Amino acid sequence: MKIAVIAALALATSFSAAWAQDVIITPERETVIREYIKKKPLASITLPGVELNVGTALPETVEVHSIEGVPDVTYQYVVIDNKTVLVEPGTRKIVKIYN
């Protein structure tokens, strides 16, 4: 019985940890993304009532822009409140915020 409880707790903990993990962007990709964003600046928009946090999903009304011509980078970006926000295309969730 104790083993089953321990196994269940371990499994639940691993699922929680997976949900809490940040997206890891390699230093090389980070540099490429930052350079791309500097070369292709966007006008800043405001989103009243939306908190800019990693994991927050942006509304469908927000136009996000692809990072084109960069191998192995599928993220999109938008500038909100003068902060560049990196977004996962499928979920529209914020994965990184640049100040």
C-alpha atoms as a PDB file:
ATOM      1  CA  MET A   1       0.000   0.000   0.000  1.00  0.00           C
ATOM      2  CA  LYS A   2       2.774   2.446   0.931  1.00  0.00           C
ATOM      3  CA  ILE A   3       4.582   1.746  -2.337  1.00  0.00           C
ATOM      4  CA  ALA A   4       1.442   2.537  -4.352  1.00  0.00           C
ATOM      5  CA  VAL A   5       1.015   5.851  -2.511  1.00  0.00           C
ATOM      6  CA  ILE A   6       4.663   6.774  -3.043  1.00  0.00           C
ATOM      7  CA  ALA A   7       4.431   5.873  -6.731  1.00  0.00           C
ATOM      8  CA  ALA A   8       1.265   7.952  -7.147  1.00  0.00           C
ATOM      9  CA  LEU A   9       2.877  10.949  -5.426  1.00  0.00           C
ATOM     10  CA  ALA A  10       6.005  10.630  -7.565  1.00  0.00           C
ATOM     11  CA  LEU A  11       3.900  10.511 -10.729  1.00  0.00           C
ATOM     12  CA  ALA A  12       1.833  13.543  -9.675  1.00  0.00           C
ATOM     13  CA  THR A  13       4.998  15.462  -8.818  1.00  0.00           C
ATOM     14  CA  SER A  14       6.547  14.720 -12.209  1.00  0.00           C
ATOM     15  CA  PHE A  15       3.408  15.985 -14.001  1.00  0.00           C
ATOM     16  CA  SER A  16       3.419  19.173 -11.904  1.00  0.00           C
ATOM     17  CA  ALA A  17       7.078  19.741 -12.649  1.00  0.00           C
ATOM     18  CA  ALA A  18       6.482  19.306 -16.358  1.00  0.00           C
ATOM     19  CA  TRP A  19       3.770  21.975 -16.326  1.00  0.00           C
ATOM     20  CA  ALA A  20       5.988  24.378 -14.378  1.00  0.00           C
ATOM     21  CA  GLN A  21       9.047  24.080 -16.618  1.00  0.00           C
ATOM     22  CA  ASP A  22      10.184  27.117 -18.534  1.00  0.00           C
ATOM     23  CA  VAL A  23      11.004  26.897 -22.203  1.00  0.00           C
ATOM     24  CA  ILE A  24      14.751  26.546 -22.573  1.00  0.00           C
ATOM     25  CA  ILE A  25      16.261  28.452 -25.460  1.00  0.00           C
ATOM     26  CA  THR A  26      19.889  27.716 -26.221  1.00  0.00           C
ATOM     27  CA  PRO A  27      22.285  30.688 -26.065  1.00  0.00           C
ATOM     28  CA  GLU A  28      22.851  30.430 -29.823  1.00  0.00           C
ATOM     29  CA  ARG A  29      19.130  30.598 -30.600  1.00  0.00           C
ATOM     30  CA  GLU A  30      18.691  33.357 -28.025  1.00  0.00           C
ATOM     31  CA  THR A  31      21.258  35.464 -29.863  1.00  0.00           C
ATOM     32  CA  VAL A  32      19.624  34.814 -33.240  1.00  0.00           C
ATOM     33  CA  ILE A  33      16.154  35.648 -31.883  1.00  0.00           C
ATOM     34  CA  ARG A  34      17.365  38.880 -30.260  1.00  0.00           C
ATOM     35  CA  GLU A  35      19.119  39.960 -33.474  1.00  0.00           C
ATOM     36  CA  TYR A  36      16.012  39.210 -35.533  1.00  0.00           C
ATOM     37  CA  ILE A  37      13.784  41.174 -33.161  1.00  0.00           C
ATOM     38  CA  LYS A  38      16.160  44.168 -33.311  1.00  0.00           C
ATOM     39  CA  LYS A  39      16.161  44.083 -37.127  1.00  0.00           C
ATOM     40  CA  LYS A  40      12.363  43.718 -37.346  1.00  0.00           C
ATOM     41  CA  PRO A  41      10.960  45.990 -34.625  1.00  0.00           C
ATOM     42  CA  LEU A  42       7.203  46.157 -34.136  1.00  0.00           C
ATOM     43  CA  ALA A  43       4.998  48.917 -32.773  1.00  0.00           C
ATOM     44  CA  SER A  44       4.002  48.353 -29.162  1.00  0.00           C
ATOM     45  CA  ILE A  45       0.395  47.559 -28.356  1.00  0.00           C
ATOM     46  CA  THR A  46      -1.471  47.624 -25.048  1.00  0.00           C
ATOM     47  CA  LEU A  47      -3.612  44.832 -23.659  1.00  0.00           C
ATOM     48  CA  PRO A  48      -5.666  46.110 -20.728  1.00  0.00           C
ATOM     49  CA  GLY A  49      -6.531  43.350 -18.294  1.00  0.00           C
ATOM     50  CA  VAL A  50      -3.917  40.890 -19.585  1.00  0.00           C
ATOM     51  CA  GLU A  51      -0.963  40.187 -17.314  1.00  0.00           C
ATOM     52  CA  LEU A  52       2.308  39.572 -19.105  1.00  0.00           C
ATOM     53  CA  ASN A  53       3.572  36.383 -17.533  1.00  0.00           C
ATOM     54  CA  VAL A  54       5.236  33.296 -18.933  1.00  0.00           C
ATOM     55  CA  GLY A  55       2.415  30.836 -19.560  1.00  0.00           C
ATOM     56  CA  THR A  56      -0.287  33.441 -20.220  1.00  0.00           C
ATOM     57  CA  ALA A  57      -2.158  32.791 -23.467  1.00  0.00           C
ATOM     58  CA  LEU A  58      -2.637  35.836 -25.661  1.00  0.00           C
ATOM     59  CA  PRO A  59      -6.120  36.513 -27.053  1.00  0.00           C
ATOM     60  CA  GLU A  60      -6.794  35.594 -30.681  1.00  0.00           C
ATOM     61  CA  THR A  61      -7.234  39.299 -31.428  1.00  0.00           C
ATOM     62  CA  VAL A  62      -3.506  39.916 -30.873  1.00  0.00           C
ATOM     63  CA  GLU A  63      -1.541  39.762 -34.110  1.00  0.00           C
ATOM     64  CA  VAL A  64       1.687  37.832 -33.583  1.00  0.00           C
ATOM     65  CA  HIS A  65       4.527  37.809 -36.106  1.00  0.00           C
ATOM     66  CA  SER A  66       6.658  34.878 -37.246  1.00  0.00           C
ATOM     67  CA  ILE A  67      10.416  34.807 -36.949  1.00  0.00           C
ATOM     68  CA  GLU A  68      11.108  33.963 -40.562  1.00  0.00           C
ATOM     69  CA  GLY A  69      14.241  32.583 -42.122  1.00  0.00           C
ATOM     70  CA  VAL A  70      15.675  31.376 -38.824  1.00  0.00           C
ATOM     71  CA  PRO A  71      16.203  27.596 -38.764  1.00  0.00           C
ATOM     72  CA  ASP A  72      14.671  25.647 -35.866  1.00  0.00           C
ATOM     73  CA  VAL A  73      12.844  28.672 -34.404  1.00  0.00           C
ATOM     74  CA  THR A  74       9.085  28.351 -34.553  1.00  0.00           C
ATOM     75  CA  TYR A  75       8.200  31.030 -32.015  1.00  0.00           C
ATOM     76  CA  GLN A  76       6.318  34.176 -32.900  1.00  0.00           C
ATOM     77  CA  TYR A  77       6.584  37.579 -31.299  1.00  0.00           C
ATOM     78  CA  VAL A  78       4.702  40.759 -30.514  1.00  0.00           C
ATOM     79  CA  VAL A  79       5.535  43.922 -28.570  1.00  0.00           C
ATOM     80  CA  ILE A  80       3.194  44.625 -25.666  1.00  0.00           C
ATOM     81  CA  ASP A  81       3.708  47.583 -23.329  1.00  0.00           C
ATOM     82  CA  ASN A  82       7.181  48.103 -24.833  1.00  0.00           C
ATOM     83  CA  LYS A  83       8.216  44.531 -23.983  1.00  0.00           C
ATOM     84  CA  THR A  84       8.900  41.997 -26.707  1.00  0.00           C
ATOM     85  CA  VAL A  85       6.969  38.819 -25.988  1.00  0.00           C
ATOM     86  CA  LEU A  86       7.940  35.461 -27.483  1.00  0.00           C
ATOM     87  CA  VAL A  87       4.894  33.267 -28.129  1.00  0.00           C
ATOM     88  CA  GLU A  88       4.378  29.576 -28.849  1.00  0.00           C
ATOM     89  CA  PRO A  89       2.318  29.498 -32.070  1.00  0.00           C
ATOM     90  CA  GLY A  90      -0.004  26.582 -31.313  1.00  0.00           C
ATOM     91  CA  THR A  91      -1.070  27.662 -27.856  1.00  0.00           C
ATOM     92  CA  ARG A  92      -0.369  31.417 -28.118  1.00  0.00           C
ATOM     93  CA  LYS A  93       1.227  31.122 -24.679  1.00  0.00           C
ATOM     94  CA  ILE A  94       4.012  33.483 -23.688  1.00  0.00           C
ATOM     95  CA  VAL A  95       7.314  31.592 -23.406  1.00  0.00           C
ATOM     96  CA  LYS A  96       9.679  34.535 -22.833  1.00  0.00           C
ATOM     97  CA  ILE A  97       9.467  38.247 -22.139  1.00  0.00           C
ATOM     98  CA  TYR A  98      12.254  40.598 -23.168  1.00  0.00           C
ATOM     99  CA  ASN A  99      12.480  43.994 -21.460  1.00  0.00           C
END
